[in-house]
């Protein structure tokens, strides 16, 4: 299969600057790197093509020859890039994600998996964040509420304070990770993960804590007080800092995010911080005007219908909407009136309506 134009491979035009070439390469290389796409057989040849194009276009002499002769410039004796020990003869060790030039593989691993591709030293690490879905009423979403939830989570062991060691016993280097807290998988570009034996601590106890069994954490159900601010909507995220999983090696705990799921209101519809309502009115109310009661989030309120109101007319109740989540006022409520024609008219009512029509001729469709 014929090779693609190197400029097309990087999504560039001829005459692009070195900075544009580097920027395009770094973006595409990060996206298609084989270690970032495990199991994707198309990632390796794509990454190889991107890196090959970059090696030619970033070097002035190779780029000059390519601009003049195309791929034929490297067809005999001077192919670019030089074969190496990487995938399919391509030298991945020269791949660069840094600021410029052809760096070595250590820079790649530093970006993706830690400094210079070596196991990361055991140290404090933030705990994982937790997520909890909370069903609330429409009214609670508008007004806010304080409640309690039950959540199953790990907590730092109170007896050993997270060390996993029995009181008075010594800690020793974990043989599973040689004290690094990380283990690496197999392959050319090996990803790392926390050591399961020491849970990323790098050390294990000779005598395990009797409460947590040497894990440093206990698992159970915890009751947590939650304050939902006024103005949340369906899918809002309320953050409870430090209420997630405990951190590694005395690191800070993660956070707990409460995801709100708001039940609909039987009459009111919410759009942003505004509320919308449809209200039926009679013919005489529309023609002569009236004072009616309409529902709001705070209960019923009086609203005046002016004379000669048409069906579909919208009225605004200022400040009757949802409080702004970040404070500073609240939205409005918009009321749309719908005129409802009378039903089951008796003979006398029909006669009066005909008389009304004779006294008020006109074509509303005109």
Protein backbone atom coordinates (compact mmCIF):
# COMPACT_ATOMS: atom_id res chain seq x y z
CA UNK A 1 0.00 0.00 0.00
CA UNK A 2 1.36 3.43 -0.99
CA UNK A 3 2.55 5.67 1.80
CA UNK A 4 0.43 8.65 2.74
CA UNK A 5 1.82 12.15 2.38
CA UNK A 6 3.65 13.01 5.60
CA UNK A 7 1.90 16.37 5.85
CA UNK A 8 -1.49 14.66 5.56
CA UNK A 9 -0.47 12.17 8.25
CA UNK A 10 0.11 15.02 10.72
CA UNK A 11 -2.79 17.11 9.43
CA UNK A 12 -0.50 19.93 8.30
CA UNK A 13 -0.04 22.11 5.24
CA UNK A 14 3.27 22.48 3.43
CA UNK A 15 5.25 25.34 4.87
CA UNK A 16 4.16 24.65 8.47
CA UNK A 17 6.58 25.89 11.13
CA UNK A 18 8.63 23.57 13.34
CA UNK A 19 6.43 24.55 16.27
CA UNK A 20 3.29 23.54 14.37
CA UNK A 21 4.89 20.20 13.43
CA UNK A 22 5.86 19.49 17.04
CA UNK A 23 2.43 20.47 18.34
CA UNK A 24 0.62 18.28 15.79
CA UNK A 25 2.90 15.33 16.48
CA UNK A 26 2.55 15.48 20.26
CA UNK A 27 -1.24 15.63 20.01
CA UNK A 28 -1.51 12.66 17.62
CA UNK A 29 1.18 10.58 19.34
CA UNK A 30 -0.51 10.85 22.69
CA UNK A 31 -3.81 9.81 21.12
CA UNK A 32 -2.49 6.78 19.20
CA UNK A 33 0.31 5.51 21.46
CA UNK A 34 0.05 1.68 21.75
CA UNK A 35 0.16 1.77 25.55
CA UNK A 36 -2.71 4.20 25.65
CA UNK A 37 -4.77 1.91 23.39
CA UNK A 38 -4.25 -1.62 24.76
CA UNK A 39 -5.86 -4.24 22.56
CA UNK A 40 -6.28 -1.87 19.59
CA UNK A 41 -4.34 -3.48 16.74
CA UNK A 42 -4.68 -0.33 14.62
CA UNK A 43 -2.86 1.84 17.19
CA UNK A 44 0.62 0.44 16.55
CA UNK A 45 0.79 1.06 12.75
CA UNK A 46 -0.90 4.44 13.19
CA UNK A 47 1.62 5.49 15.81
CA UNK A 48 4.47 4.23 13.64
CA UNK A 49 3.20 6.26 10.67
CA UNK A 50 2.87 9.42 12.77
CA UNK A 51 6.36 9.09 14.25
CA UNK A 52 7.92 8.35 10.85
CA UNK A 53 6.35 11.47 9.36
CA UNK A 54 7.55 13.55 12.29
CA UNK A 55 11.16 12.32 12.08
CA UNK A 56 11.35 13.42 8.47
CA UNK A 57 9.56 16.76 8.72
CA UNK A 58 11.25 17.95 11.91
CA UNK A 59 14.79 17.64 10.50
CA UNK A 60 15.55 20.44 7.99
CA UNK A 61 17.66 18.38 5.55
CA UNK A 62 15.26 15.43 5.46
CA UNK A 63 12.33 17.78 5.08
CA UNK A 64 14.02 19.62 2.19
CA UNK A 65 14.63 16.34 0.38
CA UNK A 66 11.09 15.16 1.05
CA UNK A 67 9.57 18.44 -0.22
CA UNK A 68 11.61 18.07 -3.43
CA UNK A 69 11.36 14.33 -4.15
CA UNK A 70 8.64 12.99 -1.86
CA UNK A 71 8.97 9.42 -0.55
CA UNK A 72 11.42 8.63 -3.37
CA UNK A 73 14.04 10.67 -1.52
CA UNK A 74 14.40 7.80 0.96
CA UNK A 75 13.69 4.85 -1.34
CA UNK A 76 17.28 3.75 -1.87
CA UNK A 77 19.82 3.53 0.91
CA UNK A 78 18.60 6.45 2.98
CA UNK A 79 15.23 5.42 4.29
CA UNK A 80 13.82 7.46 7.07
CA UNK A 81 13.63 6.67 9.82
CA UNK A 82 16.43 4.21 10.55
CA UNK A 83 15.32 0.75 11.63
CA UNK A 84 15.55 0.07 15.34
CA UNK A 85 14.46 -2.29 18.00
CA UNK A 86 10.83 -1.22 18.22
CA UNK A 87 7.63 -2.51 16.71
CA UNK A 88 8.00 -3.72 13.11
CA UNK A 89 11.56 -2.39 12.85
CA UNK A 90 10.59 1.11 13.97
CA UNK A 91 12.65 2.62 16.76
CA UNK A 92 10.21 3.68 19.44
CA UNK A 93 13.04 4.64 21.74
CA UNK A 94 13.45 7.89 19.81
CA UNK A 95 9.85 8.98 20.21
CA UNK A 96 9.55 12.49 21.61
CA UNK A 97 6.67 14.03 23.54
CA UNK A 98 8.75 16.83 24.97
CA UNK A 99 9.51 20.33 23.86
CA UNK A 100 11.40 19.44 20.69
CA UNK A 101 13.99 17.22 19.06
CA UNK A 102 14.07 13.45 19.07
CA UNK A 103 14.04 12.57 22.75
CA UNK A 104 14.28 9.07 24.16
CA UNK A 105 11.67 6.65 25.39
CA UNK A 106 12.13 7.78 28.96
CA UNK A 107 10.34 11.03 28.20
CA UNK A 108 7.36 9.08 26.87
CA UNK A 109 7.17 6.87 29.93
CA UNK A 110 7.62 9.90 32.17
CA UNK A 111 4.57 11.50 30.60
CA UNK A 112 2.39 8.40 30.73
CA UNK A 113 3.60 6.18 33.53
CA UNK A 114 6.01 8.05 35.82
CA UNK A 115 9.58 9.32 35.91
CA UNK A 116 11.90 7.67 33.37
CA UNK A 117 9.76 4.55 33.19
CA UNK A 118 10.95 3.36 36.61
CA UNK A 119 8.59 2.21 39.38
CA UNK A 120 7.20 5.22 41.19
CA UNK A 121 8.46 5.62 44.69
CA UNK A 122 5.94 4.88 47.38
CA UNK A 123 4.59 8.11 48.78
CA UNK A 124 1.42 9.82 49.87
CA UNK A 125 -1.39 9.46 47.35
CA UNK A 126 -4.89 10.88 47.27
CA UNK A 127 -7.73 8.42 47.78
CA UNK A 128 -10.34 7.66 45.14
CA UNK A 129 -13.41 9.82 44.74
CA UNK A 130 -16.82 8.29 45.42
CA UNK A 131 -20.18 9.04 43.78
CA UNK A 132 -23.67 8.70 45.27
CA UNK A 133 -27.01 9.27 43.50
CA UNK A 134 -29.61 11.00 45.66
CA UNK A 135 -33.32 11.20 44.73
CA UNK A 136 -34.95 14.45 45.88
CA UNK A 137 -38.26 16.17 45.29
CA UNK A 138 -38.75 19.14 43.00
CA UNK A 139 -39.39 21.33 46.05
CA UNK A 140 -36.19 20.19 47.81
CA UNK A 141 -34.16 20.95 44.67
CA UNK A 142 -35.52 24.50 44.65
CA UNK A 143 -35.35 25.18 48.38
CA UNK A 144 -32.39 22.99 49.39
CA UNK A 145 -32.32 20.46 52.21
CA UNK A 146 -30.18 18.82 54.87
CA UNK A 147 -30.34 15.03 55.07
CA UNK A 148 -28.31 11.94 55.89
CA UNK A 149 -27.17 9.17 53.59
CA UNK A 150 -25.72 5.71 54.23
CA UNK A 151 -22.73 4.80 52.09
CA UNK A 152 -20.41 1.81 52.08
CA UNK A 153 -16.77 2.89 51.97
CA UNK A 154 -13.30 2.21 53.32
CA UNK A 155 -12.06 4.14 56.33
CA UNK A 156 -8.60 4.45 57.82
CA UNK A 157 -8.21 1.86 60.56
CA UNK A 158 -8.52 3.55 63.92
CA UNK A 159 -6.43 0.97 65.78
CA UNK A 160 -3.26 1.08 63.63
CA UNK A 161 -3.92 4.53 62.09
CA UNK A 162 -3.65 3.07 58.59
CA UNK A 163 -0.25 1.38 58.98
CA UNK A 164 -1.66 -2.14 58.92
CA UNK A 165 0.79 -3.15 61.65
CA UNK A 166 -0.01 -4.55 65.03
CA UNK A 167 0.97 -2.19 67.82
CA UNK A 168 4.70 -2.55 68.52
CA UNK A 169 5.47 -4.60 65.41
CA UNK A 170 7.95 -3.43 62.78
CA UNK A 171 7.35 -2.71 59.10
CA UNK A 172 9.44 -4.29 56.36
CA UNK A 173 9.90 -3.69 52.65
CA UNK A 174 7.18 -5.30 50.56
CA UNK A 175 8.69 -8.19 48.56
CA UNK A 176 6.03 -7.85 45.88
CA UNK A 177 7.19 -4.43 44.69
CA UNK A 178 10.60 -4.06 46.38
CA UNK A 179 9.30 -1.08 48.31
CA UNK A 180 8.25 0.97 45.28
CA UNK A 181 4.53 0.57 45.87
CA UNK A 182 4.06 -0.11 42.16
CA UNK A 183 4.27 -3.17 39.92
CA UNK A 184 4.62 -3.26 36.17
CA UNK A 185 3.01 -5.46 33.57
CA UNK A 186 4.83 -7.21 30.76
CA UNK A 187 5.62 -5.84 27.32
CA UNK A 188 7.86 -3.24 25.70
CA UNK A 189 6.04 -0.27 27.19
CA UNK A 190 4.94 -1.57 30.57
CA UNK A 191 2.21 0.18 32.48
CA UNK A 192 2.32 0.32 36.27
CA UNK A 193 -0.31 -0.12 38.94
CA UNK A 194 -0.42 -0.09 42.75
CA UNK A 195 1.03 -3.20 44.31
CA UNK A 196 -1.90 -5.36 45.52
CA UNK A 197 0.14 -6.88 48.34
CA UNK A 198 0.96 -3.63 50.15
CA UNK A 199 -1.80 -1.53 48.49
CA UNK A 200 0.81 0.92 47.21
CA UNK A 201 2.43 1.58 50.59
CA UNK A 202 5.75 -0.09 49.77
CA UNK A 203 5.88 -1.70 53.22
CA UNK A 204 4.08 -4.51 54.98
CA UNK A 205 3.90 -5.42 58.64
CA UNK A 206 5.45 -8.47 60.18
CA UNK A 207 2.42 -8.77 62.45
CA UNK A 208 -0.87 -7.60 61.00
CA UNK A 209 -3.27 -5.34 62.85
CA UNK A 210 -6.02 -7.42 64.44
CA UNK A 211 -8.74 -4.99 63.33
CA UNK A 212 -7.93 -4.47 59.63
CA UNK A 213 -5.88 -7.63 58.99
CA UNK A 214 -2.90 -5.58 57.82
CA UNK A 215 -4.82 -3.64 55.19
CA UNK A 216 -4.71 -0.32 57.03
CA UNK A 217 -8.38 0.27 56.24
CA UNK A 218 -11.72 -1.14 57.29
CA UNK A 219 -14.87 -1.41 55.19
CA UNK A 220 -18.35 -0.68 56.38
CA UNK A 221 -21.45 1.49 56.25
CA UNK A 222 -21.10 5.12 57.28
CA UNK A 223 -23.81 7.72 57.91
CA UNK A 224 -22.92 11.09 56.40
CA UNK A 225 -24.74 14.41 56.78
CA UNK A 226 -25.40 16.04 53.41
CA UNK A 227 -26.40 19.64 52.70
CA UNK A 228 -27.99 20.13 49.30
CA UNK A 229 -27.94 23.84 48.35
CA UNK A 230 -31.02 25.58 46.99
CA UNK A 231 -31.16 25.63 43.19
CA UNK A 232 -29.67 22.24 42.31
CA UNK A 233 -31.01 20.56 39.17
CA UNK A 234 -31.22 17.06 37.82
CA UNK A 235 -27.61 15.82 37.51
CA UNK A 236 -26.04 18.51 39.74
CA UNK A 237 -22.86 17.45 41.59
CA UNK A 238 -22.47 18.41 45.25
CA UNK A 239 -18.90 17.89 46.49
CA UNK A 240 -18.16 16.74 50.03
CA UNK A 241 -14.43 17.28 50.39
CA UNK A 242 -12.45 14.53 52.09
CA UNK A 243 -15.38 12.12 52.40
CA UNK A 244 -14.14 9.65 49.76
CA UNK A 245 -11.75 6.71 50.05
CA UNK A 246 -8.74 7.09 52.37
CA UNK A 247 -5.43 8.12 50.84
CA UNK A 248 -2.28 6.01 50.51
CA UNK A 249 0.62 6.47 52.92
CA UNK A 250 -1.13 9.20 54.94
CA UNK A 251 -2.18 10.93 51.73
CA UNK A 252 -5.37 13.02 51.64
CA UNK A 253 -8.69 11.21 51.24
CA UNK A 254 -10.73 11.51 48.07
CA UNK A 255 -13.98 13.41 47.78
CA UNK A 256 -17.60 12.28 47.77
CA UNK A 257 -19.82 13.63 44.99
CA UNK A 258 -23.58 13.63 45.51
CA UNK A 259 -25.39 13.43 42.15
CA UNK A 260 -28.95 14.77 42.45
CA UNK A 261 -31.87 13.15 40.65
CA UNK A 262 -34.91 15.44 40.83
CA UNK A 263 -38.44 14.06 40.63
CA UNK A 264 -40.77 16.08 38.34
CA UNK A 265 -43.45 18.46 39.61
CA UNK A 266 -47.08 17.72 38.68
CA UNK A 267 -47.72 21.24 37.33
CA UNK A 268 -44.50 23.24 37.16
CA UNK A 269 -41.80 22.77 34.51
CA UNK A 270 -38.25 23.97 35.08
CA UNK A 271 -35.96 25.44 32.42
CA UNK A 272 -32.76 26.75 33.94
CA UNK A 273 -33.75 28.92 36.90
CA UNK A 274 -37.19 29.79 35.49
CA UNK A 275 -40.46 27.94 36.09
CA UNK A 276 -43.30 27.53 33.58
CA UNK A 277 -46.99 26.85 34.15
CA UNK A 278 -50.15 26.59 32.01
CA UNK A 279 -53.41 27.79 33.61
CA UNK A 280 -56.93 27.40 32.14
CA UNK A 281 -59.32 30.38 32.30
CA UNK A 282 -62.95 30.84 31.25
CA UNK A 283 -64.30 33.01 28.44
CA UNK A 284 -65.76 35.60 30.80
CA UNK A 285 -62.49 35.77 32.79
CA UNK A 286 -60.57 36.38 29.60
CA UNK A 287 -63.06 38.95 28.27
CA UNK A 288 -63.81 40.89 31.45
CA UNK A 289 -60.63 40.25 33.44
CA UNK A 290 -60.34 38.43 36.75
CA UNK A 291 -58.19 37.71 39.77
CA UNK A 292 -57.16 34.05 39.95
CA UNK A 293 -55.01 31.84 42.19
CA UNK A 294 -52.05 30.04 40.58
CA UNK A 295 -49.64 27.50 42.10
CA UNK A 296 -45.99 28.44 42.68
CA UNK A 297 -43.13 26.66 44.41
CA UNK A 298 -44.01 28.63 47.58
CA UNK A 299 -47.74 27.84 47.47
CA UNK A 300 -50.58 29.62 45.66
CA UNK A 301 -50.39 33.28 44.79
CA UNK A 302 -52.90 35.75 43.33
CA UNK A 303 -52.51 36.85 39.71
CA UNK A 304 -54.60 39.44 37.83
CA UNK A 305 -55.96 38.59 34.39
CA UNK A 306 -56.53 41.88 32.51
CA UNK A 307 -59.65 42.35 30.35
CA UNK A 308 -59.47 41.18 26.70
CA UNK A 309 -56.81 38.54 27.44
CA UNK A 310 -56.14 36.13 24.56
CA UNK A 311 -55.48 32.41 24.86
CA UNK A 312 -51.74 31.71 24.92
CA UNK A 313 -50.83 35.03 26.50
CA UNK A 314 -47.86 34.77 28.91
CA UNK A 315 -47.59 36.54 32.26
CA UNK A 316 -44.45 36.87 34.35
CA UNK A 317 -44.31 36.43 38.11
CA UNK A 318 -41.01 38.05 39.00
CA UNK A 319 -38.83 36.29 41.57
CA UNK A 320 -41.06 33.22 41.77
CA UNK A 321 -38.53 30.91 40.08
CA UNK A 322 -35.54 28.90 41.30
CA UNK A 323 -32.77 30.49 43.43
CA UNK A 324 -29.50 30.88 41.52
CA UNK A 325 -27.22 28.05 42.66
CA UNK A 326 -24.29 30.44 43.19
CA UNK A 327 -26.44 33.00 44.97
CA UNK A 328 -27.55 36.46 43.92
CA UNK A 329 -31.31 36.27 43.34
CA UNK A 330 -33.58 33.80 41.63
CA UNK A 331 -35.44 33.20 38.38
CA UNK A 332 -39.03 34.00 37.46
CA UNK A 333 -42.22 32.03 36.86
CA UNK A 334 -44.01 32.37 33.52
CA UNK A 335 -47.74 31.62 33.36
CA UNK A 336 -49.41 30.84 30.04
CA UNK A 337 -53.23 31.14 30.05
CA UNK A 338 -55.41 28.85 27.95
CA UNK A 339 -59.05 29.83 27.37
CA UNK A 340 -61.44 26.91 27.93
CA UNK A 341 -64.83 27.03 26.16
CA UNK A 342 -67.92 26.17 28.23
CA UNK A 343 -69.52 22.75 27.73
CA UNK A 344 -73.03 21.30 28.01
CA UNK A 345 -74.74 24.66 27.36
CA UNK A 346 -78.47 24.78 27.92
CA UNK A 347 -80.88 26.57 25.53
CA UNK A 348 -80.80 29.83 27.50
CA UNK A 349 -76.96 29.95 27.53
CA UNK A 350 -76.82 29.29 23.80
CA UNK A 351 -79.35 32.07 23.17
CA UNK A 352 -77.27 34.52 25.22
CA UNK A 353 -74.12 33.65 23.28
CA UNK A 354 -75.90 34.20 19.96
CA UNK A 355 -77.10 37.54 21.24
CA UNK A 356 -73.54 38.38 22.28
CA UNK A 357 -72.33 37.51 18.77
CA UNK A 358 -74.97 39.76 17.18
CA UNK A 359 -73.94 42.64 19.46
CA UNK A 360 -70.24 42.09 18.83
CA UNK A 361 -69.78 41.25 15.15
CA UNK A 362 -66.28 40.52 13.90
CA UNK A 363 -64.07 37.82 12.49
CA UNK A 364 -61.20 36.86 14.86
CA UNK A 365 -59.42 35.08 11.97
CA UNK A 366 -59.16 38.24 9.90
